[in-house]
């Protein structure tokens, strides 16, 4: 089944650039020109992803989040991705993790926006897990190591603080220390993006799990399942 995508503010140049690509990628795209009716739309129609230009004329960010995340909303579980500029960092940053899933710079590349779209419609729900993680990348000159904390973790990857020294698409070894879970979960990550700190209020990187040692994936899924219970 095609993923259902709602565009709010589709006249924005950044959205105009990626719209043909989204249509070719088998998204069922709905565009809304009157944001004052968004509450009724998301209540009655299920969308997998809502992509909105901020600020949205006629609808505040608080009203948009309340409409999407309301108990009677058919799109309660939809990913909510905002396009915003750096001047909006303070306002949008307060909603990241509190109804908004991702913020992408309005002046950023089409590739970054498309990656964010793909990320939000394909990955498992992220949980706000603060855990210690050690990262290591081996190169000819030796090893680059980082001991840091996770911002969130899902069954498919994690967002961690720092890590800009690890290039996008690089493979890095990880050791994840989760509360009350022994031994530590080990494996490899693939770096997929670096955050935009001004908009996301996190200076870090996102990575997907590439492989696990032994039963690490099963134990991680069990841990996440207990948190959601």
N, C-alpha and C. Protein backbone atom coordinates (compact mmCIF):
# COMPACT_ATOMS: atom_id res chain seq x y z
N UNK A 1 0.84 -1.19 0.00
CA UNK A 1 0.00 0.00 0.00
C UNK A 1 0.88 1.24 0.00
N UNK A 2 0.54 2.26 -0.81
CA UNK A 2 1.33 3.49 -0.79
C UNK A 2 1.17 4.23 0.52
N UNK A 3 2.22 4.90 0.94
CA UNK A 3 2.17 5.71 2.14
C UNK A 3 1.39 7.00 1.86
N UNK A 4 0.56 7.38 2.83
CA UNK A 4 -0.26 8.58 2.68
C UNK A 4 0.45 9.77 3.29
N UNK A 5 0.69 10.78 2.46
CA UNK A 5 1.46 11.96 2.87
C UNK A 5 0.60 13.21 2.71
N UNK A 6 0.55 14.03 3.76
CA UNK A 6 -0.18 15.29 3.72
C UNK A 6 0.82 16.44 3.69
N UNK A 7 0.69 17.31 2.69
CA UNK A 7 1.54 18.49 2.56
C UNK A 7 0.75 19.73 2.96
N UNK A 8 1.30 20.46 3.92
CA UNK A 8 0.71 21.73 4.34
C UNK A 8 1.70 22.84 4.00
N UNK A 9 1.32 23.71 3.08
CA UNK A 9 2.24 24.73 2.60
C UNK A 9 2.98 24.25 1.38
N UNK A 10 2.27 23.55 0.49
CA UNK A 10 2.91 22.92 -0.67
C UNK A 10 3.50 23.91 -1.66
N UNK A 11 3.12 25.20 -1.53
CA UNK A 11 3.67 26.20 -2.46
C UNK A 11 5.11 26.57 -2.12
N UNK A 12 5.60 26.12 -0.97
CA UNK A 12 6.98 26.40 -0.57
C UNK A 12 7.95 25.82 -1.58
N UNK A 13 8.95 26.59 -2.05
CA UNK A 13 9.88 26.09 -3.08
C UNK A 13 10.53 24.75 -2.71
N UNK A 14 10.92 24.57 -1.44
CA UNK A 14 11.56 23.32 -1.04
C UNK A 14 10.63 22.13 -1.27
N UNK A 15 9.34 22.30 -0.99
CA UNK A 15 8.39 21.21 -1.21
C UNK A 15 8.10 21.02 -2.69
N UNK A 16 8.08 22.11 -3.44
CA UNK A 16 7.87 22.00 -4.88
C UNK A 16 8.98 21.19 -5.53
N UNK A 17 10.21 21.34 -5.01
CA UNK A 17 11.35 20.61 -5.60
C UNK A 17 11.24 19.11 -5.39
N UNK A 18 10.75 18.70 -4.23
CA UNK A 18 10.73 17.27 -3.92
C UNK A 18 9.41 16.59 -4.26
N UNK A 19 8.36 17.38 -4.55
CA UNK A 19 7.05 16.79 -4.81
C UNK A 19 7.07 15.78 -5.97
N UNK A 20 7.70 16.08 -7.11
CA UNK A 20 7.73 15.08 -8.19
C UNK A 20 8.42 13.78 -7.76
N UNK A 21 9.45 13.91 -6.94
CA UNK A 21 10.16 12.71 -6.48
C UNK A 21 9.29 11.89 -5.54
N UNK A 22 8.52 12.55 -4.70
CA UNK A 22 7.63 11.84 -3.79
C UNK A 22 6.54 11.10 -4.57
N UNK A 23 6.02 11.73 -5.59
CA UNK A 23 4.99 11.09 -6.40
C UNK A 23 5.54 9.87 -7.13
N UNK A 24 6.77 9.98 -7.62
CA UNK A 24 7.38 8.84 -8.31
C UNK A 24 7.72 7.72 -7.34
N UNK A 25 7.89 8.05 -6.06
CA UNK A 25 8.23 7.04 -5.05
C UNK A 25 6.99 6.34 -4.51
N UNK A 26 5.85 6.51 -5.17
CA UNK A 26 4.61 5.81 -4.83
C UNK A 26 4.01 6.31 -3.52
N UNK A 27 4.22 7.58 -3.19
CA UNK A 27 3.48 8.20 -2.09
C UNK A 27 2.12 8.64 -2.61
N UNK A 28 1.11 8.48 -1.79
CA UNK A 28 -0.21 9.05 -2.08
C UNK A 28 -0.23 10.43 -1.44
N UNK A 29 -0.04 11.46 -2.24
CA UNK A 29 0.18 12.81 -1.73
C UNK A 29 -1.12 13.61 -1.74
N UNK A 30 -1.45 14.20 -0.59
CA UNK A 30 -2.59 15.10 -0.47
C UNK A 30 -2.06 16.49 -0.12
N UNK A 31 -2.55 17.50 -0.82
CA UNK A 31 -2.13 18.88 -0.56
C UNK A 31 -3.30 19.68 -0.01
N UNK A 32 -3.00 20.50 0.97
CA UNK A 32 -4.05 21.29 1.60
C UNK A 32 -3.66 22.76 1.56
N UNK A 33 -4.52 23.55 0.97
CA UNK A 33 -4.24 24.98 0.83
C UNK A 33 -4.90 25.81 1.94
N UNK A 34 -5.88 25.22 2.66
CA UNK A 34 -6.58 25.95 3.72
C UNK A 34 -6.27 25.29 5.06
N UNK A 35 -5.23 25.74 5.75
CA UNK A 35 -4.82 25.10 7.00
C UNK A 35 -5.85 25.20 8.12
N UNK A 36 -6.85 26.10 7.97
CA UNK A 36 -7.86 26.20 9.02
C UNK A 36 -8.73 24.95 9.10
N UNK A 37 -8.66 24.09 8.09
CA UNK A 37 -9.43 22.85 8.11
C UNK A 37 -8.61 21.63 8.43
N UNK A 38 -7.35 21.82 8.86
CA UNK A 38 -6.48 20.67 9.09
C UNK A 38 -6.98 19.79 10.24
N UNK A 39 -7.60 20.39 11.26
CA UNK A 39 -8.08 19.61 12.40
C UNK A 39 -9.09 18.57 11.99
N UNK A 40 -10.06 18.98 11.19
CA UNK A 40 -11.09 18.03 10.73
C UNK A 40 -10.49 16.98 9.81
N UNK A 41 -9.52 17.38 8.98
CA UNK A 41 -8.93 16.44 8.02
C UNK A 41 -8.18 15.32 8.73
N UNK A 42 -7.30 15.66 9.67
CA UNK A 42 -6.50 14.62 10.34
C UNK A 42 -7.35 13.82 11.31
N UNK A 43 -8.48 14.37 11.76
CA UNK A 43 -9.36 13.61 12.62
C UNK A 43 -10.06 12.50 11.84
N UNK A 44 -10.40 12.79 10.58
CA UNK A 44 -11.19 11.85 9.78
C UNK A 44 -10.36 10.99 8.84
N UNK A 45 -9.16 11.42 8.48
CA UNK A 45 -8.34 10.70 7.50
C UNK A 45 -6.99 10.32 8.12
N UNK A 46 -6.57 9.10 7.85
CA UNK A 46 -5.28 8.64 8.38
C UNK A 46 -4.16 8.99 7.39
N UNK A 47 -3.11 9.61 7.92
CA UNK A 47 -1.91 9.87 7.15
C UNK A 47 -0.72 9.23 7.85
N UNK A 48 0.25 8.75 7.04
CA UNK A 48 1.48 8.19 7.60
C UNK A 48 2.48 9.27 7.94
N UNK A 49 2.43 10.37 7.21
CA UNK A 49 3.38 11.46 7.41
C UNK A 49 2.71 12.79 7.07
N UNK A 50 2.95 13.80 7.90
CA UNK A 50 2.47 15.15 7.65
C UNK A 50 3.70 16.05 7.54
N UNK A 51 3.81 16.72 6.42
CA UNK A 51 4.96 17.58 6.12
C UNK A 51 4.45 19.01 6.02
N UNK A 52 4.89 19.87 6.95
CA UNK A 52 4.32 21.22 7.04
C UNK A 52 5.41 22.28 7.00
N UNK A 53 5.10 23.37 6.29
CA UNK A 53 5.95 24.55 6.29
C UNK A 53 5.63 25.37 7.54
N UNK A 54 6.67 25.78 8.26
CA UNK A 54 6.48 26.61 9.44
C UNK A 54 7.09 27.99 9.20
N UNK A 55 6.38 29.09 9.54
CA UNK A 55 5.02 29.09 10.09
C UNK A 55 3.98 28.86 9.00
N UNK A 56 2.84 28.30 9.41
CA UNK A 56 1.75 27.99 8.50
C UNK A 56 0.65 29.03 8.69
N UNK A 57 0.37 29.77 7.64
CA UNK A 57 -0.63 30.85 7.74
C UNK A 57 -1.97 30.30 8.18
N UNK A 58 -2.54 30.91 9.21
CA UNK A 58 -3.86 30.52 9.67
C UNK A 58 -3.90 29.38 10.65
N UNK A 59 -2.74 28.84 11.03
CA UNK A 59 -2.71 27.72 11.97
C UNK A 59 -1.39 27.77 12.74
N UNK A 60 -1.47 27.92 14.06
CA UNK A 60 -0.25 27.96 14.87
C UNK A 60 0.33 26.57 15.02
N UNK A 61 1.60 26.50 15.40
CA UNK A 61 2.24 25.21 15.60
C UNK A 61 1.56 24.42 16.72
N UNK A 62 1.18 25.11 17.78
CA UNK A 62 0.48 24.45 18.88
C UNK A 62 -0.85 23.85 18.42
N UNK A 63 -1.58 24.57 17.59
CA UNK A 63 -2.85 24.07 17.07
C UNK A 63 -2.63 22.87 16.16
N UNK A 64 -1.59 22.92 15.35
CA UNK A 64 -1.29 21.81 14.45
C UNK A 64 -0.95 20.55 15.24
N UNK A 65 -0.07 20.68 16.23
CA UNK A 65 0.32 19.52 17.04
C UNK A 65 -0.89 18.96 17.79
N UNK A 66 -1.70 19.82 18.35
CA UNK A 66 -2.89 19.37 19.09
C UNK A 66 -3.86 18.62 18.18
N UNK A 67 -4.01 19.10 16.95
CA UNK A 67 -4.92 18.44 16.01
C UNK A 67 -4.40 17.06 15.62
N UNK A 68 -3.10 16.97 15.32
CA UNK A 68 -2.53 15.70 14.87
C UNK A 68 -2.48 14.69 16.01
N UNK A 69 -2.10 15.12 17.21
CA UNK A 69 -1.90 14.19 18.32
C UNK A 69 -3.13 14.00 19.20
N UNK A 70 -4.25 14.63 18.85
CA UNK A 70 -5.47 14.46 19.63
C UNK A 70 -5.92 13.02 19.67
N UNK A 71 -6.61 12.65 20.75
CA UNK A 71 -7.04 11.26 20.94
C UNK A 71 -7.99 10.80 19.84
N UNK A 72 -8.76 11.73 19.27
CA UNK A 72 -9.72 11.35 18.24
C UNK A 72 -9.16 11.51 16.83
N UNK A 73 -7.85 11.75 16.72
CA UNK A 73 -7.23 11.95 15.41
C UNK A 73 -6.90 10.61 14.75
N UNK A 74 -7.36 10.43 13.53
CA UNK A 74 -7.01 9.22 12.77
C UNK A 74 -5.53 9.20 12.42
N UNK A 75 -4.88 10.37 12.49
CA UNK A 75 -3.45 10.48 12.17
C UNK A 75 -2.60 10.62 13.43
N UNK A 76 -3.13 10.15 14.55
CA UNK A 76 -2.43 10.29 15.83
C UNK A 76 -0.99 9.75 15.76
N UNK A 77 -0.78 8.67 15.03
CA UNK A 77 0.54 8.05 14.96
C UNK A 77 1.38 8.51 13.79
N UNK A 78 0.94 9.53 13.05
CA UNK A 78 1.68 9.99 11.87
C UNK A 78 2.98 10.67 12.27
N UNK A 79 3.98 10.56 11.42
CA UNK A 79 5.19 11.36 11.60
C UNK A 79 4.87 12.80 11.26
N UNK A 80 5.40 13.73 12.04
CA UNK A 80 5.18 15.16 11.78
C UNK A 80 6.53 15.81 11.55
N UNK A 81 6.74 16.27 10.32
CA UNK A 81 8.01 16.86 9.90
C UNK A 81 7.78 18.31 9.53
N UNK A 82 8.59 19.20 10.10
CA UNK A 82 8.46 20.63 9.83
C UNK A 82 9.62 21.13 8.98
N UNK A 83 9.32 22.02 8.05
CA UNK A 83 10.32 22.79 7.34
C UNK A 83 10.35 24.18 7.96
N UNK A 84 11.48 24.58 8.49
CA UNK A 84 11.57 25.87 9.19
C UNK A 84 12.93 26.49 8.95
N UNK A 85 13.03 27.80 9.21
CA UNK A 85 14.32 28.46 9.08
C UNK A 85 14.95 28.62 10.46
N UNK A 86 16.20 29.05 10.49
CA UNK A 86 16.94 29.15 11.75
C UNK A 86 16.30 30.14 12.72
N UNK A 87 15.61 31.15 12.19
CA UNK A 87 14.97 32.14 13.05
C UNK A 87 13.85 31.53 13.89
N UNK A 88 13.34 30.37 13.46
CA UNK A 88 12.25 29.71 14.19
C UNK A 88 12.75 28.66 15.16
N UNK A 89 14.07 28.59 15.35
CA UNK A 89 14.66 27.51 16.14
C UNK A 89 14.07 27.42 17.54
N UNK A 90 13.91 28.55 18.21
CA UNK A 90 13.41 28.52 19.58
C UNK A 90 12.00 27.98 19.66
N UNK A 91 11.14 28.41 18.74
CA UNK A 91 9.74 27.98 18.77
C UNK A 91 9.59 26.51 18.41
N UNK A 92 10.18 26.09 17.29
CA UNK A 92 9.98 24.70 16.85
C UNK A 92 10.73 23.72 17.74
N UNK A 93 11.87 24.14 18.27
CA UNK A 93 12.66 23.23 19.11
C UNK A 93 11.92 22.79 20.34
N UNK A 94 11.02 23.62 20.86
CA UNK A 94 10.26 23.26 22.05
C UNK A 94 9.28 22.14 21.79
N UNK A 95 8.96 21.88 20.52
CA UNK A 95 7.98 20.85 20.18
C UNK A 95 8.63 19.55 19.70
N UNK A 96 9.94 19.55 19.44
CA UNK A 96 10.61 18.33 19.00
C UNK A 96 10.58 17.32 20.13
N UNK A 97 10.06 16.13 19.86
CA UNK A 97 9.87 15.12 20.89
C UNK A 97 8.59 15.29 21.67
N UNK A 98 7.85 16.36 21.39
CA UNK A 98 6.57 16.63 22.05
C UNK A 98 5.50 16.87 20.99
N UNK A 99 5.45 15.95 20.04
CA UNK A 99 4.48 16.04 18.96
C UNK A 99 5.11 16.20 17.59
N UNK A 100 6.26 16.88 17.53
CA UNK A 100 7.00 17.03 16.28
C UNK A 100 8.15 16.02 16.26
N UNK A 101 8.27 15.29 15.15
CA UNK A 101 9.30 14.26 15.07
C UNK A 101 10.62 14.75 14.50
N UNK A 102 10.57 15.66 13.55
CA UNK A 102 11.80 16.09 12.89
C UNK A 102 11.62 17.50 12.33
N UNK A 103 12.69 18.28 12.35
CA UNK A 103 12.71 19.60 11.73
C UNK A 103 13.85 19.63 10.72
N UNK A 104 13.56 20.12 9.53
CA UNK A 104 14.57 20.23 8.47
C UNK A 104 14.67 21.70 8.08
N UNK A 105 15.90 22.16 7.88
CA UNK A 105 16.12 23.56 7.50
C UNK A 105 15.46 23.85 6.16
N UNK A 106 14.73 24.95 6.13
CA UNK A 106 14.00 25.36 4.92
C UNK A 106 14.93 25.55 3.74
N UNK A 107 16.16 25.96 4.01
CA UNK A 107 17.12 26.23 2.93
C UNK A 107 18.07 25.06 2.69
N UNK A 108 17.76 23.91 3.31
CA UNK A 108 18.63 22.74 3.15
C UNK A 108 18.44 22.07 1.80
N UNK A 109 19.19 21.03 1.57
CA UNK A 109 19.16 20.33 0.29
C UNK A 109 17.91 19.45 0.19
N UNK A 110 17.51 19.18 -1.05
CA UNK A 110 16.39 18.27 -1.29
C UNK A 110 16.72 16.87 -0.78
N UNK A 111 18.00 16.49 -0.88
CA UNK A 111 18.41 15.17 -0.41
C UNK A 111 18.15 15.00 1.08
N UNK A 112 18.46 16.04 1.86
CA UNK A 112 18.23 15.96 3.31
C UNK A 112 16.74 15.84 3.62
N UNK A 113 15.91 16.58 2.91
CA UNK A 113 14.48 16.51 3.13
C UNK A 113 13.93 15.14 2.76
N UNK A 114 14.35 14.61 1.62
CA UNK A 114 13.89 13.29 1.20
C UNK A 114 14.33 12.20 2.17
N UNK A 115 15.55 12.34 2.69
CA UNK A 115 16.02 11.35 3.66
C UNK A 115 15.18 11.40 4.92
N UNK A 116 14.83 12.59 5.37
CA UNK A 116 13.99 12.72 6.56
C UNK A 116 12.62 12.09 6.33
N UNK A 117 12.05 12.30 5.15
CA UNK A 117 10.77 11.69 4.82
C UNK A 117 10.87 10.17 4.87
N UNK A 118 11.88 9.62 4.19
CA UNK A 118 12.05 8.17 4.17
C UNK A 118 12.27 7.61 5.56
N UNK A 119 13.03 8.33 6.37
CA UNK A 119 13.32 7.88 7.73
C UNK A 119 12.04 7.77 8.55
N UNK A 120 11.19 8.76 8.47
CA UNK A 120 10.00 8.80 9.31
C UNK A 120 8.93 7.80 8.89
N UNK A 121 8.89 7.42 7.63
CA UNK A 121 7.84 6.48 7.21
C UNK A 121 8.29 5.03 7.23
N UNK A 122 9.55 4.77 7.57
CA UNK A 122 10.03 3.39 7.53
C UNK A 122 10.52 2.85 8.86
N UNK A 123 10.84 3.70 9.84
CA UNK A 123 11.47 3.18 11.04
C UNK A 123 10.45 2.94 12.14
N UNK A 124 10.88 2.16 13.14
CA UNK A 124 10.04 1.87 14.30
C UNK A 124 9.94 3.10 15.20
N UNK A 125 8.92 3.13 16.07
CA UNK A 125 8.78 4.26 16.99
C UNK A 125 10.03 4.46 17.85
N UNK A 126 10.44 5.72 18.03
CA UNK A 126 11.60 6.03 18.84
C UNK A 126 11.16 6.30 20.28
N UNK A 127 11.93 5.78 21.21
CA UNK A 127 11.65 6.01 22.62
C UNK A 127 12.76 6.86 23.21
N UNK A 128 12.39 7.78 24.09
CA UNK A 128 13.37 8.65 24.73
C UNK A 128 14.14 7.86 25.77
N UNK A 129 15.23 7.25 25.34
CA UNK A 129 16.06 6.42 26.22
C UNK A 129 17.41 7.11 26.40
N UNK A 130 17.78 7.40 27.64
CA UNK A 130 19.09 7.94 27.95
C UNK A 130 19.98 6.78 28.38
N UNK A 131 20.90 6.41 27.53
CA UNK A 131 21.79 5.28 27.81
C UNK A 131 23.19 5.62 27.33
N UNK A 132 24.18 5.01 27.96
CA UNK A 132 25.56 5.23 27.56
C UNK A 132 25.89 4.36 26.35
N UNK A 133 26.60 4.95 25.39
CA UNK A 133 27.00 4.20 24.22
C UNK A 133 28.43 4.57 23.85
N UNK A 134 29.23 3.56 23.54
CA UNK A 134 30.59 3.79 23.06
C UNK A 134 30.64 3.49 21.58
N UNK A 135 31.21 4.43 20.81
CA UNK A 135 31.30 4.31 19.36
C UNK A 135 32.76 4.26 18.95
N UNK A 136 33.04 3.48 17.92
CA UNK A 136 34.44 3.32 17.50
C UNK A 136 34.51 3.11 16.00
N UNK A 137 35.39 3.89 15.36
CA UNK A 137 35.62 3.77 13.93
C UNK A 137 37.10 3.55 13.68
N UNK A 138 37.44 2.46 12.96
CA UNK A 138 38.84 2.17 12.65
C UNK A 138 39.18 2.67 11.26
N UNK A 139 40.26 3.43 11.18
CA UNK A 139 40.80 3.89 9.91
C UNK A 139 42.30 3.58 9.91
N UNK A 140 42.96 3.89 8.81
CA UNK A 140 44.38 3.55 8.70
C UNK A 140 45.22 4.22 9.78
N UNK A 141 44.80 5.42 10.18
CA UNK A 141 45.58 6.15 11.17
C UNK A 141 45.31 5.67 12.60
N UNK A 142 44.36 4.77 12.76
CA UNK A 142 44.02 4.28 14.09
C UNK A 142 42.53 4.35 14.33
N UNK A 143 42.13 4.35 15.60
CA UNK A 143 40.72 4.31 15.96
C UNK A 143 40.24 5.67 16.46
N UNK A 144 39.02 6.03 16.05
CA UNK A 144 38.33 7.19 16.61
C UNK A 144 37.26 6.66 17.55
N UNK A 145 37.30 7.08 18.81
CA UNK A 145 36.35 6.57 19.81
C UNK A 145 35.57 7.73 20.43
N UNK A 146 34.34 7.43 20.80
CA UNK A 146 33.49 8.43 21.46
C UNK A 146 32.62 7.72 22.48
N UNK A 147 32.62 8.22 23.71
CA UNK A 147 31.72 7.74 24.76
C UNK A 147 30.67 8.83 24.96
N UNK A 148 29.41 8.51 24.71
CA UNK A 148 28.37 9.53 24.73
C UNK A 148 27.06 8.94 25.22
N UNK A 149 25.97 9.72 25.06
CA UNK A 149 24.64 9.30 25.49
C UNK A 149 23.68 9.30 24.32
N UNK A 150 22.72 8.41 24.36
CA UNK A 150 21.66 8.39 23.36
C UNK A 150 20.61 9.44 23.70
N UNK A 151 19.97 9.99 22.67
CA UNK A 151 18.80 10.84 22.84
C UNK A 151 17.53 10.01 22.72
N UNK A 152 17.50 9.13 21.74
CA UNK A 152 16.40 8.18 21.61
C UNK A 152 16.89 6.93 20.91
N UNK A 153 16.14 5.85 21.09
CA UNK A 153 16.52 4.55 20.53
C UNK A 153 15.26 3.89 19.98
N UNK A 154 15.38 3.24 18.84
CA UNK A 154 14.29 2.43 18.30
C UNK A 154 14.85 1.06 17.93
N UNK A 155 13.98 0.21 17.41
CA UNK A 155 14.43 -1.12 17.00
C UNK A 155 15.33 -1.07 15.78
N UNK A 156 15.37 0.08 15.09
CA UNK A 156 16.15 0.19 13.86
C UNK A 156 17.34 1.11 13.95
N UNK A 157 17.46 1.89 15.03
CA UNK A 157 18.59 2.81 15.12
C UNK A 157 18.54 3.67 16.36
N UNK A 158 19.39 4.71 16.38
CA UNK A 158 19.47 5.58 17.54
C UNK A 158 19.93 6.98 17.12
N UNK A 159 19.60 7.95 17.96
CA UNK A 159 20.11 9.31 17.85
C UNK A 159 21.00 9.55 19.05
N UNK A 160 22.24 9.97 18.82
CA UNK A 160 23.20 10.14 19.91
C UNK A 160 23.73 11.57 19.92
N UNK A 161 24.23 11.99 21.06
CA UNK A 161 24.84 13.30 21.19
C UNK A 161 26.26 13.25 20.62
N UNK A 162 26.63 14.29 19.88
CA UNK A 162 27.97 14.34 19.31
C UNK A 162 28.11 13.42 18.12
N UNK A 163 29.34 13.08 17.79
CA UNK A 163 29.60 12.13 16.72
C UNK A 163 29.81 12.73 15.34
N UNK A 164 30.01 14.05 15.27
CA UNK A 164 30.20 14.65 13.95
C UNK A 164 31.53 14.23 13.31
N UNK A 165 32.41 13.65 14.11
CA UNK A 165 33.66 13.16 13.54
C UNK A 165 33.47 11.89 12.71
N UNK A 166 32.28 11.28 12.81
CA UNK A 166 31.98 10.08 12.04
C UNK A 166 31.23 10.48 10.77
N UNK A 167 31.80 10.22 9.59
CA UNK A 167 31.16 10.65 8.34
C UNK A 167 29.85 9.92 8.08
N UNK A 168 28.94 10.59 7.38
CA UNK A 168 27.72 9.94 6.93
C UNK A 168 28.08 8.75 6.03
N UNK A 169 27.36 7.65 6.23
CA UNK A 169 27.54 6.37 5.53
C UNK A 169 28.70 5.54 6.06
N UNK A 170 29.41 6.03 7.09
CA UNK A 170 30.48 5.21 7.67
C UNK A 170 29.89 4.14 8.57
N UNK A 171 30.60 3.02 8.73
CA UNK A 171 30.21 1.93 9.61
C UNK A 171 31.04 2.04 10.89
N UNK A 172 30.37 2.06 12.03
CA UNK A 172 31.07 2.20 13.31
C UNK A 172 30.59 1.11 14.26
N UNK A 173 31.53 0.62 15.07
CA UNK A 173 31.19 -0.36 16.10
C UNK A 173 30.54 0.37 17.27
N UNK A 174 29.59 -0.29 17.95
CA UNK A 174 28.95 0.32 19.11
C UNK A 174 28.81 -0.68 20.25
N UNK A 175 28.82 -0.14 21.46
CA UNK A 175 28.48 -0.88 22.68
C UNK A 175 27.44 -0.06 23.43
N UNK A 176 26.24 -0.57 23.55
CA UNK A 176 25.12 0.15 24.15
C UNK A 176 24.84 -0.41 25.54
N UNK A 177 24.95 0.45 26.55
CA UNK A 177 24.73 0.04 27.94
C UNK A 177 23.33 0.48 28.35
N UNK A 178 22.39 -0.46 28.41
CA UNK A 178 21.01 -0.17 28.75
C UNK A 178 20.72 -0.53 30.20
N UNK A 179 19.85 0.21 30.87
CA UNK A 179 19.55 -0.07 32.28
C UNK A 179 19.01 -1.49 32.48
N UNK A 180 19.58 -2.19 33.45
CA UNK A 180 19.11 -3.53 33.83
C UNK A 180 19.16 -4.53 32.69
N UNK A 181 20.08 -4.33 31.74
CA UNK A 181 20.21 -5.27 30.63
C UNK A 181 21.68 -5.65 30.48
N UNK A 182 22.00 -6.90 30.78
CA UNK A 182 23.37 -7.39 30.67
C UNK A 182 23.36 -8.68 29.85
N UNK A 183 24.46 -8.93 29.08
CA UNK A 183 25.59 -8.02 28.85
C UNK A 183 25.19 -6.87 27.94
N UNK A 184 26.13 -5.96 27.67
CA UNK A 184 25.85 -4.81 26.82
C UNK A 184 25.49 -5.29 25.41
N UNK A 185 24.75 -4.48 24.69
CA UNK A 185 24.37 -4.78 23.30
C UNK A 185 25.47 -4.25 22.38
N UNK A 186 26.03 -5.14 21.56
CA UNK A 186 27.13 -4.78 20.66
C UNK A 186 26.74 -5.03 19.21
N UNK A 187 27.41 -4.29 18.32
CA UNK A 187 27.19 -4.50 16.91
C UNK A 187 27.80 -3.39 16.09
N UNK A 188 27.21 -3.14 14.91
CA UNK A 188 27.67 -2.06 14.03
C UNK A 188 26.52 -1.14 13.66
N UNK A 189 26.84 0.14 13.56
CA UNK A 189 25.90 1.16 13.11
C UNK A 189 26.34 1.73 11.77
N UNK A 190 25.39 2.23 11.00
CA UNK A 190 25.71 3.02 9.82
C UNK A 190 25.19 4.43 10.04
N UNK A 191 26.07 5.42 9.95
CA UNK A 191 25.69 6.81 10.16
C UNK A 191 24.88 7.28 8.96
N UNK A 192 23.67 7.82 9.24
CA UNK A 192 22.80 8.26 8.14
C UNK A 192 22.64 9.77 8.08
N UNK A 193 22.88 10.48 9.19
CA UNK A 193 22.73 11.93 9.14
C UNK A 193 23.38 12.57 10.35
N UNK A 194 23.70 13.87 10.21
CA UNK A 194 24.08 14.71 11.34
C UNK A 194 22.93 15.69 11.58
N UNK A 195 22.66 16.01 12.81
CA UNK A 195 21.52 16.85 13.14
C UNK A 195 21.78 18.31 12.76
N UNK A 196 20.70 19.08 12.78
CA UNK A 196 20.78 20.53 12.62
C UNK A 196 20.52 21.14 14.00
N UNK A 197 21.57 21.42 14.76
CA UNK A 197 21.41 21.80 16.17
C UNK A 197 20.49 23.00 16.41
N UNK A 198 20.55 24.00 15.54
CA UNK A 198 19.74 25.20 15.76
C UNK A 198 18.25 24.89 15.72
N UNK A 199 17.86 23.89 14.93
CA UNK A 199 16.45 23.56 14.79
C UNK A 199 16.03 22.39 15.66
N UNK A 200 16.90 21.41 15.85
CA UNK A 200 16.53 20.21 16.59
C UNK A 200 16.93 20.25 18.06
N UNK A 201 17.74 21.23 18.43
CA UNK A 201 18.22 21.37 19.82
C UNK A 201 19.00 20.13 20.27
N UNK A 202 19.57 19.42 19.33
CA UNK A 202 20.45 18.29 19.61
C UNK A 202 21.62 18.37 18.65
N UNK A 203 22.82 18.38 19.18
CA UNK A 203 24.02 18.36 18.34
C UNK A 203 24.52 16.93 18.33
N UNK A 204 24.16 16.20 17.29
CA UNK A 204 24.50 14.78 17.29
C UNK A 204 24.35 14.15 15.93
N UNK A 205 24.13 12.85 15.92
CA UNK A 205 24.01 12.11 14.67
C UNK A 205 22.99 11.00 14.82
N UNK A 206 22.37 10.65 13.69
CA UNK A 206 21.45 9.54 13.63
C UNK A 206 22.10 8.38 12.90
N UNK A 207 21.86 7.16 13.40
CA UNK A 207 22.47 5.99 12.79
C UNK A 207 21.50 4.82 12.85
N UNK A 208 21.58 3.95 11.86
CA UNK A 208 20.76 2.75 11.84
C UNK A 208 21.61 1.54 12.20
N UNK A 209 20.97 0.54 12.79
CA UNK A 209 21.68 -0.69 13.14
C UNK A 209 22.00 -1.47 11.86
N UNK A 210 23.27 -1.81 11.68
CA UNK A 210 23.70 -2.60 10.53
C UNK A 210 23.83 -4.07 10.88
N UNK A 211 24.26 -4.37 12.11
CA UNK A 211 24.40 -5.76 12.55
C UNK A 211 24.50 -5.79 14.08
N UNK A 212 24.24 -6.97 14.64
CA UNK A 212 24.33 -7.19 16.09
C UNK A 212 25.17 -8.42 16.37
N UNK A 213 25.80 -8.42 17.51
CA UNK A 213 26.47 -9.62 17.99
C UNK A 213 25.47 -10.51 18.72
N UNK A 214 25.52 -11.78 18.41
CA UNK A 214 24.71 -12.80 19.08
C UNK A 214 23.23 -12.40 19.11
N UNK A 215 22.63 -12.37 20.29
CA UNK A 215 21.19 -12.11 20.42
C UNK A 215 20.90 -10.66 20.78
N UNK A 216 21.82 -9.75 20.41
CA UNK A 216 21.67 -8.36 20.80
C UNK A 216 20.38 -7.72 20.32
N UNK A 217 19.97 -8.02 19.08
CA UNK A 217 18.77 -7.40 18.55
C UNK A 217 17.53 -7.85 19.32
N UNK A 218 17.46 -9.14 19.62
CA UNK A 218 16.32 -9.66 20.36
C UNK A 218 16.25 -9.06 21.76
N UNK A 219 17.40 -8.92 22.42
CA UNK A 219 17.39 -8.35 23.77
C UNK A 219 17.02 -6.86 23.74
N UNK A 220 17.49 -6.13 22.71
CA UNK A 220 17.12 -4.73 22.57
C UNK A 220 15.61 -4.60 22.32
N UNK A 221 15.04 -5.43 21.44
CA UNK A 221 13.61 -5.36 21.19
C UNK A 221 12.80 -5.67 22.45
N UNK A 222 13.29 -6.62 23.24
CA UNK A 222 12.61 -6.94 24.48
C UNK A 222 12.64 -5.77 25.45
N UNK A 223 13.77 -5.08 25.53
CA UNK A 223 13.91 -3.91 26.40
C UNK A 223 12.95 -2.81 25.97
N UNK A 224 12.91 -2.52 24.65
CA UNK A 224 12.03 -1.47 24.15
C UNK A 224 10.56 -1.84 24.35
N UNK A 225 10.25 -3.12 24.16
CA UNK A 225 8.87 -3.58 24.36
C UNK A 225 8.40 -3.38 25.80
N UNK A 226 9.30 -3.60 26.76
CA UNK A 226 8.94 -3.41 28.17
C UNK A 226 8.69 -1.93 28.47
N UNK A 227 9.43 -1.05 27.81
CA UNK A 227 9.21 0.39 28.02
C UNK A 227 7.86 0.83 27.48
N UNK A 228 7.40 0.19 26.41
CA UNK A 228 6.13 0.58 25.80
C UNK A 228 4.92 -0.07 26.46
N UNK A 229 5.19 -1.09 27.26
CA UNK A 229 4.07 -1.83 27.89
C UNK A 229 3.31 -0.95 28.88
